[in-house]
Amino acid sequence: RHIGADTDVPAGDIGVGGREVGYMFGQYKRLRNEWTGVLTGKGLSFGGSLARTEATGYGLVYLVQELLAQKNDSFEGKTVCVSGAGNVAIYATEKAQQLGAKVVTMSDSTGWVHDPEGIKLDVVKQIKEVERARISEYAKRVPGSVYNDGRGVWSIPCDIALPCATQNELFIEDAKNLVNNGCKVVAEGANMPTTLDATEYLQQAGVAFFPGKASNAGGVATSGLEMSQNSERLSWSFDEVDAKLNGIMVNIFHASNDAANEVGAPGNYVVGANIAGFNKLANAMMAQGIV
């Protein structure tokens, strides 16, 4: 079985990250007396890939970037709300900012911060990746920002919403807030962060909604790139991996978009992603004589 590390776990909670993958890989080798690519998210010193840490967040933004490009639009000048403060959220924020967006929120399991001037990502990285502290520290260090206990990220007006924290974090009330505040795109960075009724409401309101099975695939995709490098005994540069990731996410967008159009459901990326994924699996099974 393939096992990988892709954490968005707040400090103080339990999750599997690069350190834990290292321990598991070491014990796997000890017990099996073999070196195979059974785990991904490994450290660079023993077969890991550059850009794996950034992959899910970057991939999420690359997919939305392609969606916007179809409308002759971009991240430039857009206001983005992000939830979470782990790997996915940090690197989605980083890439969105690189593309000209202003990210104004982040959160963890205790509360959330709003920085109307734009999140200072170096401060977040210091708090979360170095100190392993709570997001409330951000408001103590950045004048003009505000910390609130509990939930509330989706109450802030934005053009694009990227739920990157955990499952079931965007409810129907949040979806209504986003629509009322003019949000045009919601793409899932976490696994199943949007409840079903919220998903349906966003779609009915004309919001471009991308499900995590497509939009957060960049982490698993880069795990596949890591396995390719292991098999070939190669180590690609960050830019090489990043470019391949971008291409994969662009292809995922178009596969989902084309499948939705083919069944008469243009713009329904949930239907498109489901059909594209099903067709890929079904075609492989038929090619192998399984069905």
Protein backbone atom coordinates (compact mmCIF):
# COMPACT_ATOMS: atom_id res chain seq x y z
CA ARG A 1 0.00 0.00 0.00
CA HIS A 2 1.18 3.53 -0.76
CA ILE A 3 1.41 5.75 2.33
CA GLY A 4 2.32 9.43 2.18
CA ALA A 5 2.64 12.48 4.40
CA ASP A 6 0.47 15.50 3.75
CA THR A 7 -0.41 17.17 7.02
CA ASP A 8 -2.48 20.18 7.89
CA VAL A 9 -2.57 19.46 11.62
CA PRO A 10 -2.51 22.33 14.13
CA ALA A 11 0.19 22.42 16.80
CA GLY A 12 -0.77 20.30 19.75
CA ASP A 13 -2.78 17.83 17.67
CA ILE A 14 -1.57 14.49 16.36
CA GLY A 15 -0.74 13.92 12.71
CA VAL A 16 1.61 12.14 10.34
CA GLY A 17 4.35 14.34 8.93
CA GLY A 18 7.81 13.99 7.46
CA ARG A 19 9.33 12.96 10.79
CA GLU A 20 6.84 10.14 11.29
CA VAL A 21 7.29 8.94 7.71
CA GLY A 22 11.03 8.80 8.36
CA TYR A 23 10.52 6.64 11.43
CA MET A 24 8.11 4.32 9.62
CA PHE A 25 10.39 3.98 6.61
CA GLY A 26 13.34 3.12 8.86
CA GLN A 27 11.36 0.44 10.66
CA TYR A 28 10.00 -0.93 7.37
CA LYS A 29 13.55 -1.38 6.11
CA ARG A 30 14.62 -2.99 9.39
CA LEU A 31 11.74 -5.45 9.48
CA ARG A 32 11.68 -6.32 5.76
CA ASN A 33 15.39 -5.90 5.03
CA GLU A 34 14.54 -4.18 1.77
CA TRP A 35 14.37 -0.68 0.34
CA THR A 36 11.28 -0.04 -1.75
CA GLY A 37 9.18 3.05 -2.43
CA VAL A 38 6.38 2.00 -0.14
CA LEU A 39 6.22 5.39 1.59
CA THR A 40 6.34 8.87 0.14
CA GLY A 41 6.88 12.20 1.80
CA LYS A 42 10.32 10.92 2.76
CA GLY A 43 13.17 13.21 3.77
CA LEU A 44 15.46 14.42 1.01
CA SER A 45 18.38 12.47 2.50
CA PHE A 46 16.68 9.13 1.88
CA GLY A 47 14.72 9.34 -1.35
CA GLY A 48 12.26 12.19 -0.85
CA SER A 49 11.32 14.72 -3.49
CA LEU A 50 11.78 18.44 -3.61
CA ALA A 51 8.42 20.31 -3.74
CA ARG A 52 6.54 17.49 -1.97
CA THR A 53 5.93 19.70 1.07
CA GLU A 54 4.46 22.46 -1.09
CA ALA A 55 2.65 20.17 -3.51
CA THR A 56 -0.94 20.09 -2.26
CA GLY A 57 -1.18 23.83 -1.63
CA TYR A 58 0.62 24.76 -4.84
CA GLY A 59 -1.44 22.25 -6.84
CA LEU A 60 -4.68 23.66 -5.48
CA VAL A 61 -3.74 27.13 -6.68
CA TYR A 62 -2.49 25.85 -10.06
CA LEU A 63 -5.90 24.26 -10.70
CA VAL A 64 -7.76 27.46 -9.76
CA GLN A 65 -5.33 29.44 -11.89
CA GLU A 66 -6.28 27.32 -14.91
CA LEU A 67 -9.98 27.74 -14.11
CA LEU A 68 -9.50 31.52 -14.04
CA ALA A 69 -7.44 31.44 -17.23
CA GLN A 70 -10.42 29.94 -19.09
CA LYS A 71 -12.27 33.15 -18.25
CA ASN A 72 -9.31 35.35 -19.21
CA ASP A 73 -8.80 36.06 -15.53
CA SER A 74 -6.09 35.44 -12.93
CA PHE A 75 -5.24 35.65 -9.24
CA GLU A 76 -3.89 39.16 -9.74
CA GLY A 77 -5.72 41.56 -7.43
CA LYS A 78 -8.05 38.90 -6.02
CA THR A 79 -8.92 38.66 -2.32
CA VAL A 80 -8.59 35.10 -1.04
CA CYS A 81 -9.80 33.50 2.20
CA VAL A 82 -7.82 30.47 3.33
CA SER A 83 -8.61 28.24 6.31
CA GLY A 84 -5.97 26.20 8.09
CA ALA A 85 -2.37 26.94 8.95
CA GLY A 86 -0.60 23.68 8.13
CA ASN A 87 1.16 22.47 4.98
CA VAL A 88 -1.76 22.85 2.61
CA ALA A 89 -2.86 26.27 3.85
CA ILE A 90 0.63 27.73 4.11
CA TYR A 91 1.68 26.76 0.61
CA ALA A 92 -1.66 27.59 -1.00
CA THR A 93 -1.25 31.03 0.55
CA GLU A 94 2.33 31.27 -0.65
CA LYS A 95 1.50 30.43 -4.26
CA ALA A 96 -1.61 32.64 -4.34
CA GLN A 97 0.48 35.56 -3.08
CA GLN A 98 3.16 34.85 -5.68
CA LEU A 99 0.45 35.10 -8.34
CA GLY A 100 -0.69 38.51 -7.10
CA ALA A 101 -3.57 37.66 -4.76
CA LYS A 102 -4.14 39.06 -1.28
CA VAL A 103 -4.81 36.30 1.25
CA VAL A 104 -6.57 37.78 4.27
CA THR A 105 -7.37 34.86 6.60
CA MET A 106 -5.84 31.75 8.16
CA SER A 107 -6.96 29.54 11.04
CA ASP A 108 -6.23 26.59 13.29
CA SER A 109 -8.29 24.42 15.64
CA THR A 110 -8.54 27.22 18.22
CA GLY A 111 -9.51 30.22 16.09
CA TRP A 112 -8.72 32.40 13.09
CA VAL A 113 -7.01 35.60 12.09
CA HIS A 114 -8.05 38.33 9.66
CA ASP A 115 -5.37 40.58 8.24
CA PRO A 116 -6.99 43.06 5.83
CA GLU A 117 -3.55 44.11 4.56
CA GLY A 118 -2.70 40.54 3.57
CA ILE A 119 -1.30 37.64 5.59
CA LYS A 120 2.40 37.97 6.43
CA LEU A 121 3.42 34.43 5.62
CA ASP A 122 6.87 34.68 7.18
CA VAL A 123 5.16 35.32 10.52
CA VAL A 124 2.82 32.34 10.06
CA LYS A 125 5.72 30.05 9.15
CA GLN A 126 7.65 31.16 12.24
CA ILE A 127 4.62 30.51 14.46
CA LYS A 128 3.54 27.21 12.91
CA GLU A 129 6.62 25.57 11.44
CA VAL A 130 9.23 26.73 13.96
CA GLU A 131 7.47 27.47 17.23
CA ARG A 132 4.53 25.07 16.74
CA ALA A 133 2.33 27.66 18.45
CA ARG A 134 -1.26 28.81 17.96
CA ILE A 135 -2.45 31.17 15.22
CA SER A 136 -3.51 33.64 17.92
CA GLU A 137 0.17 34.61 18.13
CA TYR A 138 -0.18 36.24 14.71
CA ALA A 139 -2.42 39.04 15.96
CA LYS A 140 0.07 39.81 18.75
CA ARG A 141 2.85 40.34 16.20
CA VAL A 142 1.11 41.99 13.23
CA PRO A 143 -0.54 45.38 13.88
CA GLY A 144 -3.95 45.75 12.28
CA SER A 145 -4.74 42.04 12.31
CA VAL A 146 -7.50 40.55 14.45
CA TYR A 147 -7.78 37.15 16.14
CA ASN A 148 -11.13 35.49 16.89
CA ASP A 149 -11.81 32.28 18.80
CA GLY A 150 -13.66 29.48 17.06
CA ARG A 151 -14.90 29.57 13.48
CA GLY A 152 -15.50 32.55 11.21
CA VAL A 153 -13.10 32.56 8.24
CA TRP A 154 -15.96 32.40 5.73
CA SER A 155 -17.61 35.56 7.06
CA ILE A 156 -14.91 37.69 5.42
CA PRO A 157 -15.67 38.97 1.89
CA CYS A 158 -13.47 37.38 -0.78
CA ASP A 159 -13.29 36.50 -4.45
CA ILE A 160 -11.88 33.01 -3.88
CA ALA A 161 -12.25 30.66 -0.90
CA LEU A 162 -9.78 27.83 -0.27
CA PRO A 163 -10.81 25.56 2.64
CA CYS A 164 -7.53 23.89 3.61
CA ALA A 165 -8.00 22.87 7.24
CA THR A 166 -10.11 19.77 7.89
CA GLN A 167 -13.26 17.88 6.98
CA ASN A 168 -16.70 19.48 7.47
CA GLU A 169 -15.48 23.03 8.05
CA LEU A 170 -17.60 24.89 5.52
CA PHE A 171 -21.32 24.66 6.37
CA ILE A 172 -24.45 25.88 4.61
CA GLU A 173 -24.39 29.13 6.63
CA ASP A 174 -20.81 29.69 5.49
CA ALA A 175 -21.77 29.03 1.88
CA LYS A 176 -24.53 31.65 2.14
CA ASN A 177 -22.05 34.15 3.60
CA LEU A 178 -19.62 33.53 0.76
CA VAL A 179 -22.29 33.94 -1.92
CA ASN A 180 -23.72 37.08 -0.31
CA ASN A 181 -20.22 38.56 -0.15
CA GLY A 182 -19.53 37.92 -3.84
CA CYS A 183 -17.27 34.86 -3.76
CA LYS A 184 -16.90 33.33 -7.24
CA VAL A 185 -14.68 30.29 -6.67
CA VAL A 186 -14.45 27.68 -3.91
CA ALA A 187 -11.81 24.95 -4.26
CA GLU A 188 -11.10 22.33 -1.61
CA GLY A 189 -7.56 21.95 -0.33
CA ALA A 190 -8.55 19.73 2.59
CA ASN A 191 -10.33 16.38 2.32
CA MET A 192 -14.12 16.90 2.24
CA PRO A 193 -14.15 20.29 3.99
CA THR A 194 -17.48 21.35 2.47
CA THR A 195 -20.71 19.73 3.65
CA LEU A 196 -23.05 18.33 0.99
CA ASP A 197 -25.76 20.96 1.46
CA ALA A 198 -23.15 23.71 1.30
CA THR A 199 -21.71 22.22 -1.88
CA GLU A 200 -25.12 22.10 -3.51
CA TYR A 201 -25.91 25.66 -2.43
CA LEU A 202 -22.66 27.00 -3.89
CA GLN A 203 -23.27 25.22 -7.19
CA GLN A 204 -26.87 26.45 -7.42
CA ALA A 205 -25.66 30.00 -6.75
CA GLY A 206 -23.28 29.80 -9.72
CA VAL A 207 -20.05 29.56 -7.70
CA ALA A 208 -17.33 27.53 -9.42
CA PHE A 209 -16.86 24.69 -6.93
CA PHE A 210 -13.99 22.21 -7.21
CA PRO A 211 -14.06 19.07 -5.02
CA GLY A 212 -10.95 17.91 -3.19
CA LYS A 213 -10.76 14.67 -5.17
CA ALA A 214 -9.56 16.90 -8.02
CA SER A 215 -8.29 20.13 -6.50
CA ASN A 216 -6.14 18.66 -3.71
CA ALA A 217 -4.65 15.90 -5.86
CA GLY A 218 -1.29 17.66 -6.13
CA GLY A 219 0.10 16.00 -3.01
CA VAL A 220 -0.64 12.48 -4.16
CA ALA A 221 0.46 13.37 -7.68
CA THR A 222 3.83 14.52 -6.37
CA SER A 223 4.08 11.35 -4.34
CA GLY A 224 3.84 9.63 -7.71
CA LEU A 225 6.64 11.86 -8.99
CA GLU A 226 8.68 10.91 -5.92
CA MET A 227 8.18 7.23 -6.73
CA SER A 228 9.24 7.87 -10.33
CA GLN A 229 12.46 9.47 -9.13
CA ASN A 230 13.08 6.56 -6.75
CA SER A 231 12.58 4.04 -9.57
CA GLU A 232 14.98 5.88 -11.87
CA ARG A 233 17.45 6.70 -9.08
CA LEU A 234 17.09 10.37 -9.99
CA SER A 235 16.60 13.55 -8.03
CA TRP A 236 14.82 16.29 -9.96
CA SER A 237 15.21 19.97 -9.13
CA PHE A 238 12.44 21.87 -7.37
CA ASP A 239 11.56 23.65 -10.60
CA GLU A 240 11.32 20.37 -12.52
CA VAL A 241 8.93 18.84 -9.98
CA ASP A 242 6.95 22.07 -9.73
CA ALA A 243 6.52 22.27 -13.50
CA LYS A 244 5.33 18.66 -13.67
CA LEU A 245 2.90 19.35 -10.81
CA ASN A 246 1.52 22.38 -12.64
CA GLY A 247 0.99 20.29 -15.76
CA ILE A 248 -0.80 17.57 -13.80
CA MET A 249 -3.19 20.06 -12.19
CA VAL A 250 -3.93 21.72 -15.53
CA ASN A 251 -4.76 18.28 -16.95
CA ILE A 252 -7.03 17.49 -13.98
CA PHE A 253 -8.95 20.71 -14.55
CA HIS A 254 -9.47 19.96 -18.23
CA ALA A 255 -10.40 16.31 -17.62
CA SER A 256 -13.06 17.43 -15.13
CA ASN A 257 -14.25 20.28 -17.32
CA ASP A 258 -14.45 18.14 -20.47
CA ALA A 259 -16.32 15.33 -18.69
CA ALA A 260 -18.87 17.80 -17.30
CA ASN A 261 -19.42 19.29 -20.77
CA GLU A 262 -19.82 15.86 -22.36
CA VAL A 263 -22.73 14.94 -20.08
CA GLY A 264 -24.47 18.28 -20.44
CA ALA A 265 -23.43 19.66 -17.05
CA PRO A 266 -21.05 22.51 -17.92
CA GLY A 267 -19.44 24.11 -14.89
CA ASN A 268 -20.38 21.22 -12.58
CA TYR A 269 -16.91 20.15 -11.57
CA VAL A 270 -18.18 17.66 -8.99
CA VAL A 271 -19.93 15.70 -11.74
CA GLY A 272 -16.95 16.21 -14.03
CA ALA A 273 -14.39 15.00 -11.51
CA ASN A 274 -16.53 11.98 -10.62
CA ILE A 275 -17.01 10.95 -14.24
CA ALA A 276 -13.40 11.60 -15.24
CA GLY A 277 -12.14 9.52 -12.30
CA PHE A 278 -14.64 6.72 -12.98
CA ASN A 279 -13.82 6.59 -16.69
CA LYS A 280 -10.09 6.38 -16.04
CA LEU A 281 -10.56 3.44 -13.68
CA ALA A 282 -13.17 1.72 -15.84
CA ASN A 283 -11.06 1.98 -18.98
CA ALA A 284 -8.06 0.51 -17.17
CA MET A 285 -10.17 -2.39 -15.86
CA MET A 286 -11.57 -3.13 -19.31
CA ALA A 287 -8.12 -2.94 -20.90
CA GLN A 288 -6.94 -5.58 -18.43
CA GLY A 289 -9.94 -7.84 -18.99
CA ILE A 290 -11.26 -7.41 -15.45
CA VAL A 291 -14.73 -6.41 -16.68
